[in-house]
Structures are given as C-alpha cells and as structure tokens.
N, C-alpha and C. Protein backbone atom coordinates (compact mmCIF):
# COMPACT_ATOMS: atom_id res chain seq x y z
N MET A 1 25.38 -8.09 -19.70
CA MET A 1 24.31 -8.38 -18.76
C MET A 1 24.45 -9.84 -18.30
N SER A 2 24.39 -10.03 -17.02
CA SER A 2 24.46 -11.37 -16.44
C SER A 2 23.22 -12.14 -16.82
N GLU A 3 23.36 -13.47 -16.94
CA GLU A 3 22.18 -14.26 -17.29
C GLU A 3 21.16 -14.29 -16.16
N ASN A 4 21.56 -13.88 -14.94
CA ASN A 4 20.64 -13.84 -13.81
C ASN A 4 20.03 -12.47 -13.58
N CYS A 5 20.40 -11.52 -14.44
CA CYS A 5 19.86 -10.15 -14.33
C CYS A 5 19.33 -9.71 -15.68
N MET A 6 18.42 -8.77 -15.61
CA MET A 6 17.90 -8.15 -16.83
C MET A 6 17.86 -6.64 -16.62
N HIS A 7 17.98 -5.93 -17.72
CA HIS A 7 17.88 -4.48 -17.65
C HIS A 7 16.43 -4.10 -17.44
N ALA A 8 16.19 -3.16 -16.54
CA ALA A 8 14.84 -2.65 -16.30
C ALA A 8 14.91 -1.15 -16.08
N GLN A 9 13.87 -0.49 -16.52
CA GLN A 9 13.73 0.94 -16.26
C GLN A 9 12.30 1.17 -15.82
N PHE A 10 12.14 1.72 -14.63
CA PHE A 10 10.81 2.02 -14.10
C PHE A 10 10.93 3.23 -13.20
N THR A 11 9.78 3.75 -12.80
CA THR A 11 9.76 4.94 -11.96
C THR A 11 9.27 4.54 -10.58
N VAL A 12 10.01 4.95 -9.57
CA VAL A 12 9.64 4.69 -8.17
C VAL A 12 9.49 6.03 -7.47
N ASN A 13 8.27 6.33 -7.05
CA ASN A 13 7.98 7.59 -6.34
C ASN A 13 8.49 8.80 -7.11
N GLY A 14 8.31 8.75 -8.43
CA GLY A 14 8.69 9.88 -9.27
C GLY A 14 10.13 9.89 -9.74
N GLU A 15 10.95 8.97 -9.26
CA GLU A 15 12.37 8.90 -9.66
C GLU A 15 12.59 7.72 -10.60
N THR A 16 13.32 7.96 -11.70
CA THR A 16 13.60 6.89 -12.64
C THR A 16 14.66 5.95 -12.09
N VAL A 17 14.38 4.66 -12.20
CA VAL A 17 15.34 3.62 -11.83
C VAL A 17 15.74 2.94 -13.13
N ASP A 18 17.03 2.90 -13.40
CA ASP A 18 17.58 2.25 -14.59
C ASP A 18 18.66 1.32 -14.08
N ALA A 19 18.38 0.01 -14.08
CA ALA A 19 19.29 -0.90 -13.39
C ALA A 19 19.24 -2.30 -13.96
N GLN A 20 20.23 -3.07 -13.58
CA GLN A 20 20.23 -4.50 -13.81
C GLN A 20 19.49 -5.11 -12.63
N VAL A 21 18.43 -5.82 -12.90
CA VAL A 21 17.57 -6.35 -11.85
C VAL A 21 17.66 -7.87 -11.85
N PRO A 22 17.97 -8.46 -10.70
CA PRO A 22 17.96 -9.93 -10.63
C PRO A 22 16.58 -10.47 -11.01
N VAL A 23 16.56 -11.45 -11.92
CA VAL A 23 15.30 -11.92 -12.47
C VAL A 23 14.40 -12.61 -11.45
N ARG A 24 14.97 -13.11 -10.38
CA ARG A 24 14.16 -13.81 -9.37
C ARG A 24 13.91 -12.98 -8.11
N MET A 25 14.32 -11.72 -8.13
CA MET A 25 14.12 -10.87 -6.95
C MET A 25 12.72 -10.29 -6.95
N HIS A 26 12.07 -10.38 -5.83
CA HIS A 26 10.73 -9.82 -5.69
C HIS A 26 10.80 -8.30 -5.57
N LEU A 27 9.74 -7.66 -5.99
CA LEU A 27 9.69 -6.20 -6.01
C LEU A 27 9.93 -5.61 -4.62
N VAL A 28 9.30 -6.15 -3.61
CA VAL A 28 9.47 -5.61 -2.26
C VAL A 28 10.92 -5.75 -1.79
N ASP A 29 11.58 -6.85 -2.15
CA ASP A 29 12.99 -7.02 -1.79
C ASP A 29 13.85 -6.00 -2.52
N TYR A 30 13.56 -5.75 -3.80
CA TYR A 30 14.31 -4.76 -4.56
C TYR A 30 14.14 -3.37 -3.94
N LEU A 31 12.90 -3.03 -3.65
CA LEU A 31 12.62 -1.71 -3.06
C LEU A 31 13.33 -1.54 -1.73
N ARG A 32 13.30 -2.57 -0.90
CA ARG A 32 13.91 -2.49 0.43
C ARG A 32 15.44 -2.57 0.35
N ASP A 33 15.95 -3.59 -0.34
CA ASP A 33 17.39 -3.87 -0.32
C ASP A 33 18.21 -2.99 -1.25
N GLU A 34 17.67 -2.68 -2.41
CA GLU A 34 18.44 -1.92 -3.40
C GLU A 34 18.16 -0.43 -3.34
N LEU A 35 16.93 -0.04 -2.99
CA LEU A 35 16.57 1.38 -3.00
C LEU A 35 16.40 1.96 -1.59
N GLY A 36 16.46 1.12 -0.56
CA GLY A 36 16.35 1.61 0.81
C GLY A 36 14.95 2.07 1.20
N LEU A 37 13.94 1.64 0.46
CA LEU A 37 12.55 2.01 0.76
C LEU A 37 11.95 0.90 1.62
N THR A 38 12.04 1.08 2.92
CA THR A 38 11.70 0.00 3.85
C THR A 38 10.30 0.11 4.45
N GLY A 39 9.46 0.98 3.91
CA GLY A 39 8.11 1.14 4.44
C GLY A 39 7.22 -0.06 4.23
N SER A 40 7.41 -0.76 3.13
CA SER A 40 6.67 -2.01 2.89
C SER A 40 7.43 -3.13 3.57
N HIS A 41 6.69 -3.99 4.22
CA HIS A 41 7.33 -5.03 5.03
C HIS A 41 7.15 -6.42 4.43
N LEU A 42 8.03 -7.32 4.84
CA LEU A 42 7.88 -8.72 4.49
C LEU A 42 7.27 -9.43 5.68
N GLY A 43 6.13 -10.01 5.47
CA GLY A 43 5.46 -10.75 6.54
C GLY A 43 5.48 -12.23 6.21
N CYS A 44 4.45 -12.67 5.53
CA CYS A 44 4.29 -14.09 5.24
C CYS A 44 5.11 -14.55 4.03
N GLU A 45 5.41 -13.64 3.12
CA GLU A 45 6.09 -13.92 1.86
C GLU A 45 5.33 -14.92 0.98
N HIS A 46 4.02 -14.99 1.18
CA HIS A 46 3.15 -15.85 0.38
C HIS A 46 1.96 -15.09 -0.19
N GLY A 47 1.92 -13.77 -0.01
CA GLY A 47 0.84 -12.97 -0.53
C GLY A 47 -0.43 -12.98 0.29
N VAL A 48 -0.33 -13.39 1.54
CA VAL A 48 -1.51 -13.52 2.37
C VAL A 48 -1.70 -12.34 3.32
N CYS A 49 -0.64 -11.78 3.86
CA CYS A 49 -0.77 -10.82 4.96
C CYS A 49 -0.96 -9.37 4.54
N GLY A 50 -0.50 -8.97 3.35
CA GLY A 50 -0.69 -7.61 2.87
C GLY A 50 0.35 -6.60 3.34
N ALA A 51 1.32 -7.01 4.14
CA ALA A 51 2.32 -6.07 4.65
C ALA A 51 3.26 -5.56 3.55
N CYS A 52 3.35 -6.28 2.45
CA CYS A 52 4.31 -5.95 1.39
C CYS A 52 3.71 -5.10 0.27
N GLN A 53 2.51 -4.63 0.43
CA GLN A 53 1.82 -3.97 -0.67
C GLN A 53 2.48 -2.67 -1.11
N VAL A 54 2.47 -2.48 -2.43
CA VAL A 54 2.90 -1.25 -3.09
C VAL A 54 1.93 -1.02 -4.24
N MET A 55 2.02 0.11 -4.88
CA MET A 55 1.18 0.39 -6.04
C MET A 55 2.02 0.32 -7.30
N VAL A 56 1.49 -0.38 -8.30
CA VAL A 56 2.12 -0.45 -9.62
C VAL A 56 1.08 0.03 -10.62
N ASP A 57 1.42 1.10 -11.30
CA ASP A 57 0.49 1.74 -12.25
C ASP A 57 -0.87 1.98 -11.62
N GLY A 58 -0.86 2.44 -10.37
CA GLY A 58 -2.09 2.82 -9.68
C GLY A 58 -2.87 1.68 -9.05
N GLN A 59 -2.40 0.46 -9.17
CA GLN A 59 -3.07 -0.70 -8.59
C GLN A 59 -2.25 -1.24 -7.43
N VAL A 60 -2.92 -1.56 -6.33
CA VAL A 60 -2.23 -2.16 -5.20
C VAL A 60 -1.87 -3.60 -5.56
N VAL A 61 -0.60 -3.95 -5.37
CA VAL A 61 -0.12 -5.31 -5.64
C VAL A 61 0.66 -5.83 -4.44
N ARG A 62 0.78 -7.12 -4.36
CA ARG A 62 1.58 -7.77 -3.32
C ARG A 62 3.03 -7.78 -3.81
N GLY A 63 3.88 -7.01 -3.14
CA GLY A 63 5.27 -6.90 -3.54
C GLY A 63 6.06 -8.18 -3.39
N CYS A 64 5.57 -9.10 -2.55
CA CYS A 64 6.28 -10.37 -2.36
C CYS A 64 5.91 -11.38 -3.44
N LEU A 65 4.89 -11.11 -4.22
CA LEU A 65 4.49 -12.00 -5.30
C LEU A 65 4.83 -11.43 -6.67
N THR A 66 5.23 -10.17 -6.70
CA THR A 66 5.57 -9.49 -7.95
C THR A 66 7.08 -9.46 -8.09
N LEU A 67 7.58 -9.90 -9.22
CA LEU A 67 9.01 -9.84 -9.46
C LEU A 67 9.39 -8.40 -9.81
N ALA A 68 10.57 -7.99 -9.39
CA ALA A 68 11.03 -6.62 -9.67
C ALA A 68 11.06 -6.36 -11.18
N ILE A 69 11.45 -7.34 -11.96
CA ILE A 69 11.53 -7.16 -13.41
C ILE A 69 10.16 -6.88 -14.02
N GLN A 70 9.09 -7.30 -13.35
CA GLN A 70 7.74 -7.03 -13.84
C GLN A 70 7.39 -5.54 -13.76
N ALA A 71 8.17 -4.77 -13.01
CA ALA A 71 7.94 -3.32 -12.91
C ALA A 71 8.54 -2.57 -14.10
N ASN A 72 9.25 -3.27 -14.96
CA ASN A 72 9.87 -2.63 -16.11
C ASN A 72 8.83 -1.84 -16.91
N GLY A 73 9.12 -0.55 -17.10
CA GLY A 73 8.23 0.33 -17.86
C GLY A 73 7.03 0.82 -17.08
N LYS A 74 6.99 0.59 -15.79
CA LYS A 74 5.82 0.94 -14.99
C LYS A 74 6.13 2.00 -13.94
N GLN A 75 5.06 2.51 -13.34
CA GLN A 75 5.14 3.49 -12.25
C GLN A 75 4.91 2.74 -10.94
N VAL A 76 5.84 2.83 -10.02
CA VAL A 76 5.72 2.19 -8.71
C VAL A 76 5.63 3.28 -7.66
N GLN A 77 4.68 3.13 -6.76
CA GLN A 77 4.58 4.05 -5.63
C GLN A 77 4.63 3.22 -4.35
N THR A 78 5.44 3.69 -3.44
CA THR A 78 5.54 3.04 -2.13
C THR A 78 4.88 3.95 -1.10
N ILE A 79 4.77 3.46 0.10
CA ILE A 79 4.18 4.25 1.18
C ILE A 79 4.97 5.55 1.37
N GLU A 80 6.28 5.48 1.16
CA GLU A 80 7.10 6.70 1.31
C GLU A 80 6.69 7.76 0.30
N GLY A 81 6.50 7.37 -0.95
CA GLY A 81 6.12 8.32 -1.99
C GLY A 81 4.72 8.87 -1.79
N LEU A 82 3.82 8.02 -1.35
CA LEU A 82 2.45 8.48 -1.11
C LEU A 82 2.38 9.40 0.10
N THR A 83 3.25 9.19 1.06
CA THR A 83 3.29 10.06 2.23
C THR A 83 3.87 11.43 1.84
N GLU A 84 4.94 11.41 1.07
CA GLU A 84 5.55 12.67 0.64
C GLU A 84 4.60 13.48 -0.24
N SER A 85 3.80 12.81 -1.05
CA SER A 85 2.87 13.52 -1.94
C SER A 85 1.64 14.02 -1.17
N ARG A 86 1.55 13.64 0.08
CA ARG A 86 0.45 14.02 0.99
C ARG A 86 -0.88 13.37 0.58
N GLU A 87 -0.83 12.37 -0.30
CA GLU A 87 -2.03 11.69 -0.74
C GLU A 87 -2.67 10.92 0.41
N LEU A 88 -1.88 10.52 1.37
CA LEU A 88 -2.39 9.74 2.51
C LEU A 88 -2.68 10.59 3.73
N GLN A 89 -2.51 11.89 3.65
CA GLN A 89 -2.61 12.75 4.82
C GLN A 89 -3.91 12.57 5.58
N GLN A 90 -5.05 12.56 4.90
CA GLN A 90 -6.34 12.43 5.57
C GLN A 90 -6.47 11.06 6.23
N LEU A 91 -6.03 10.01 5.55
CA LEU A 91 -6.09 8.67 6.14
C LEU A 91 -5.15 8.54 7.33
N GLN A 92 -3.95 9.08 7.22
CA GLN A 92 -3.01 9.02 8.35
C GLN A 92 -3.59 9.73 9.57
N ALA A 93 -4.18 10.89 9.35
CA ALA A 93 -4.78 11.63 10.46
C ALA A 93 -5.91 10.82 11.10
N ALA A 94 -6.73 10.17 10.26
CA ALA A 94 -7.83 9.35 10.78
C ALA A 94 -7.31 8.13 11.54
N PHE A 95 -6.27 7.50 11.02
CA PHE A 95 -5.68 6.36 11.72
C PHE A 95 -5.14 6.79 13.08
N LEU A 96 -4.51 7.95 13.13
CA LEU A 96 -4.00 8.46 14.41
C LEU A 96 -5.15 8.79 15.37
N ALA A 97 -6.16 9.48 14.87
CA ALA A 97 -7.29 9.89 15.70
C ALA A 97 -8.05 8.69 16.26
N HIS A 98 -8.10 7.60 15.52
CA HIS A 98 -8.87 6.43 15.96
C HIS A 98 -7.98 5.34 16.55
N ASN A 99 -6.71 5.67 16.78
CA ASN A 99 -5.76 4.72 17.36
C ASN A 99 -5.65 3.44 16.53
N ALA A 100 -5.65 3.59 15.22
CA ALA A 100 -5.57 2.45 14.31
C ALA A 100 -4.14 2.04 14.00
N PHE A 101 -3.16 2.84 14.43
CA PHE A 101 -1.75 2.44 14.32
C PHE A 101 -1.37 1.81 15.64
N GLN A 102 -0.92 0.59 15.61
CA GLN A 102 -0.42 -0.03 16.84
C GLN A 102 1.07 -0.28 16.65
N CYS A 103 1.45 -1.50 16.37
CA CYS A 103 2.88 -1.79 16.20
C CYS A 103 3.42 -1.21 14.89
N GLY A 104 2.56 -1.00 13.91
CA GLY A 104 2.96 -0.38 12.65
C GLY A 104 3.35 -1.35 11.55
N PHE A 105 3.45 -2.64 11.86
CA PHE A 105 3.91 -3.59 10.85
C PHE A 105 2.96 -3.65 9.66
N CYS A 106 1.67 -3.66 9.91
CA CYS A 106 0.69 -3.76 8.82
C CYS A 106 0.31 -2.40 8.24
N SER A 107 0.76 -1.33 8.86
CA SER A 107 0.24 0.00 8.53
C SER A 107 0.41 0.41 7.08
N SER A 108 1.56 0.17 6.49
CA SER A 108 1.74 0.61 5.10
C SER A 108 0.78 -0.12 4.17
N GLY A 109 0.67 -1.41 4.31
CA GLY A 109 -0.28 -2.17 3.48
C GLY A 109 -1.72 -1.79 3.77
N MET A 110 -2.02 -1.58 5.05
CA MET A 110 -3.39 -1.22 5.43
C MET A 110 -3.74 0.16 4.87
N LEU A 111 -2.81 1.11 4.92
CA LEU A 111 -3.07 2.44 4.37
C LEU A 111 -3.27 2.40 2.86
N LEU A 112 -2.51 1.57 2.16
CA LEU A 112 -2.71 1.46 0.71
C LEU A 112 -4.08 0.87 0.40
N THR A 113 -4.49 -0.13 1.16
CA THR A 113 -5.82 -0.70 0.98
C THR A 113 -6.88 0.34 1.30
N ALA A 114 -6.69 1.09 2.38
CA ALA A 114 -7.64 2.14 2.76
C ALA A 114 -7.72 3.20 1.68
N LEU A 115 -6.60 3.56 1.09
CA LEU A 115 -6.60 4.55 0.00
C LEU A 115 -7.42 4.03 -1.18
N GLU A 116 -7.23 2.78 -1.51
CA GLU A 116 -8.01 2.18 -2.60
C GLU A 116 -9.51 2.21 -2.28
N ILE A 117 -9.86 1.93 -1.02
CA ILE A 117 -11.27 1.96 -0.60
C ILE A 117 -11.83 3.37 -0.76
N THR A 118 -11.08 4.37 -0.29
CA THR A 118 -11.59 5.74 -0.36
C THR A 118 -11.70 6.26 -1.79
N LYS A 119 -10.94 5.67 -2.70
CA LYS A 119 -11.02 6.08 -4.10
C LYS A 119 -12.10 5.34 -4.88
N HIS A 120 -12.27 4.05 -4.59
CA HIS A 120 -13.12 3.21 -5.43
C HIS A 120 -14.38 2.67 -4.75
N HIS A 121 -14.50 2.87 -3.46
CA HIS A 121 -15.66 2.35 -2.72
C HIS A 121 -16.17 3.43 -1.77
N LYS A 122 -16.47 4.57 -2.31
CA LYS A 122 -16.82 5.76 -1.53
C LYS A 122 -18.05 5.59 -0.64
N GLN A 123 -18.93 4.67 -0.98
CA GLN A 123 -20.15 4.45 -0.20
C GLN A 123 -20.08 3.14 0.61
N ALA A 124 -18.89 2.62 0.84
CA ALA A 124 -18.74 1.34 1.54
C ALA A 124 -19.31 1.40 2.95
N THR A 125 -20.03 0.36 3.32
CA THR A 125 -20.55 0.22 4.68
C THR A 125 -19.44 -0.35 5.56
N ARG A 126 -19.68 -0.37 6.86
CA ARG A 126 -18.70 -0.95 7.78
C ARG A 126 -18.42 -2.41 7.41
N GLU A 127 -19.47 -3.15 7.07
CA GLU A 127 -19.30 -4.55 6.69
C GLU A 127 -18.45 -4.66 5.42
N GLU A 128 -18.71 -3.79 4.47
CA GLU A 128 -17.93 -3.81 3.22
C GLU A 128 -16.48 -3.40 3.48
N ILE A 129 -16.26 -2.43 4.36
CA ILE A 129 -14.89 -2.05 4.71
C ILE A 129 -14.17 -3.25 5.30
N ARG A 130 -14.81 -3.96 6.22
CA ARG A 130 -14.20 -5.16 6.81
C ARG A 130 -13.83 -6.18 5.74
N GLU A 131 -14.72 -6.37 4.78
CA GLU A 131 -14.46 -7.32 3.69
C GLU A 131 -13.28 -6.83 2.85
N LEU A 132 -13.25 -5.54 2.54
CA LEU A 132 -12.21 -4.99 1.68
C LEU A 132 -10.83 -5.00 2.33
N ILE A 133 -10.76 -4.93 3.65
CA ILE A 133 -9.45 -4.98 4.32
C ILE A 133 -9.08 -6.40 4.75
N SER A 134 -9.92 -7.36 4.43
CA SER A 134 -9.69 -8.73 4.90
C SER A 134 -8.42 -9.37 4.36
N GLY A 135 -7.83 -8.81 3.33
CA GLY A 135 -6.57 -9.31 2.80
C GLY A 135 -5.35 -8.77 3.52
N ASN A 136 -5.57 -8.01 4.58
CA ASN A 136 -4.48 -7.44 5.37
C ASN A 136 -4.58 -7.93 6.80
N TYR A 137 -3.53 -8.55 7.27
CA TYR A 137 -3.53 -9.03 8.66
C TYR A 137 -3.05 -7.93 9.59
N CYS A 138 -3.75 -7.79 10.69
CA CYS A 138 -3.32 -6.92 11.78
C CYS A 138 -3.50 -7.71 13.06
N ARG A 139 -2.43 -7.88 13.79
CA ARG A 139 -2.51 -8.67 15.01
C ARG A 139 -2.70 -7.81 16.26
N CYS A 140 -2.73 -6.50 16.09
CA CYS A 140 -2.77 -5.62 17.26
C CYS A 140 -4.14 -5.00 17.54
N THR A 141 -4.84 -4.55 16.50
CA THR A 141 -6.00 -3.70 16.74
C THR A 141 -7.33 -4.41 16.78
N GLY A 142 -7.43 -5.61 16.27
CA GLY A 142 -8.73 -6.25 16.16
C GLY A 142 -9.57 -5.62 15.07
N TYR A 143 -9.01 -4.76 14.26
CA TYR A 143 -9.62 -4.14 13.09
C TYR A 143 -10.66 -3.07 13.39
N GLN A 144 -11.23 -3.03 14.57
CA GLN A 144 -12.29 -2.06 14.88
C GLN A 144 -11.80 -0.63 14.65
N ALA A 145 -10.62 -0.32 15.18
CA ALA A 145 -10.08 1.04 15.03
C ALA A 145 -9.79 1.36 13.57
N ILE A 146 -9.34 0.38 12.82
CA ILE A 146 -9.03 0.59 11.40
C ILE A 146 -10.32 0.86 10.63
N VAL A 147 -11.35 0.07 10.89
CA VAL A 147 -12.65 0.29 10.24
C VAL A 147 -13.18 1.67 10.61
N ASN A 148 -13.08 2.04 11.88
CA ASN A 148 -13.53 3.37 12.31
C ASN A 148 -12.80 4.48 11.56
N ALA A 149 -11.50 4.33 11.40
CA ALA A 149 -10.70 5.35 10.71
C ALA A 149 -11.11 5.48 9.25
N ILE A 150 -11.23 4.35 8.56
CA ILE A 150 -11.61 4.39 7.14
C ILE A 150 -13.01 4.95 6.99
N GLU A 151 -13.92 4.50 7.85
CA GLU A 151 -15.30 5.00 7.79
C GLU A 151 -15.35 6.51 8.01
N SER A 152 -14.54 7.01 8.92
CA SER A 152 -14.55 8.45 9.18
C SER A 152 -14.11 9.25 7.97
N VAL A 153 -13.16 8.73 7.22
CA VAL A 153 -12.71 9.41 6.00
C VAL A 153 -13.80 9.36 4.94
N LEU A 154 -14.46 8.22 4.81
CA LEU A 154 -15.55 8.10 3.84
C LEU A 154 -16.70 9.03 4.19
N VAL A 155 -17.06 9.10 5.47
CA VAL A 155 -18.15 9.97 5.91
C VAL A 155 -17.79 11.43 5.66
N LYS A 156 -16.55 11.80 6.00
CA LYS A 156 -16.11 13.18 5.80
C LYS A 156 -16.10 13.53 4.30
N SER A 157 -15.61 12.61 3.48
CA SER A 157 -15.57 12.86 2.04
C SER A 157 -16.96 13.01 1.46
N SER A 158 -17.90 12.15 1.90
CA SER A 158 -19.26 12.26 1.35
C SER A 158 -19.97 13.50 1.84
N SER A 159 -19.71 13.90 3.08
CA SER A 159 -20.38 15.12 3.56
C SER A 159 -19.81 16.35 2.87
N GLU A 160 -18.50 16.33 2.56
CA GLU A 160 -17.91 17.44 1.81
C GLU A 160 -18.44 17.49 0.38
N ALA A 161 -18.80 16.31 -0.15
CA ALA A 161 -19.34 16.25 -1.51
C ALA A 161 -20.85 16.45 -1.53
N GLY A 162 -21.45 16.58 -0.34
CA GLY A 162 -22.88 16.79 -0.26
C GLY A 162 -23.72 15.55 -0.42
N VAL A 163 -23.10 14.39 -0.17
CA VAL A 163 -23.81 13.12 -0.29
C VAL A 163 -24.23 12.65 1.10
N LYS A 164 -25.48 12.23 1.22
CA LYS A 164 -25.95 11.70 2.50
C LYS A 164 -25.56 10.25 2.62
N VAL A 165 -25.06 9.88 3.80
CA VAL A 165 -24.66 8.50 4.04
C VAL A 165 -25.69 7.79 4.86
C-alpha cells in the first residue's frame, strides 16, 4: 500500500467498492473520477453551494468536504442510485411539473435536500422549505419553482396519509 493511499471498502449504490483510496481525495472526486458517477457536481469546493451532495449512511453530506477514505465501512448513495431505486420518482415528477429543473447543475444536490425534507419535515411550511434548501445554490430558478415542487410533494403525501395541511 502506498503511503498516499489507504485500503477502503464501502458500498456505493448497492455495489461493493474495495480499493486503494488516495488519502487526500474528496468523496465527490472519487465518485466522479474513479467510479464514473458524475451526477454530483463540483461547484464551490468549499461546502457552500450543495452541488456535491451525496448520502452517507442515510445522511446528506457535502462530498467536497468529505474525504473518500471516510466512507470506509459505510453505505454511499448518489443521485444515480437514488434514481435507479425510484426513491426520487415523486420528487423528480414534481420538479418537472413545476419547472424546477433549469440548467441542472444544482439539481442532484437540491433533490437530495428535498428528499431529506420529505422524509424528516413532512409538515414544513413554505418558509421552512426555503430555510431548509438555503444550503443549496440555484442561479436559475429563483427558488420559487423548487419550493412549489417540494411543497406539492408534501401536500400530496399528507393528503394520502389523511393529514390536513
């Protein structure tokens, strides 16, 4: 083993990765450059914009601030894996219906944040949705369409569950 690499084993979108991982390589760079999973983007590379987000053990993390070696022994899900599992299907449909996809650069991070909102903040108001997505930059939509899309999924989910909003 090279002194600049360490052995790591983790799962990405259900597939085991067993590799020598450069100790200073960020998770998003590893996913993009080594595994060809380019759905997460590099924006600011300072953890501010949210374009690099992925899920590690069910939690949304900034892939540009997380070292790849930190994924050792963990479950990583990217936008590609969540799309294939159809977990994002309702959110994707809402984003399309409300024209919340523009250039697409922020979309993967925004969808992961939206998924977290729909799972953990089921009664979020429009103001709360705006606050919860504030860690994701979008330069195209002005956020209105994104808030509308997330709100529509929350309203649909609560009405299906019989909860009044």
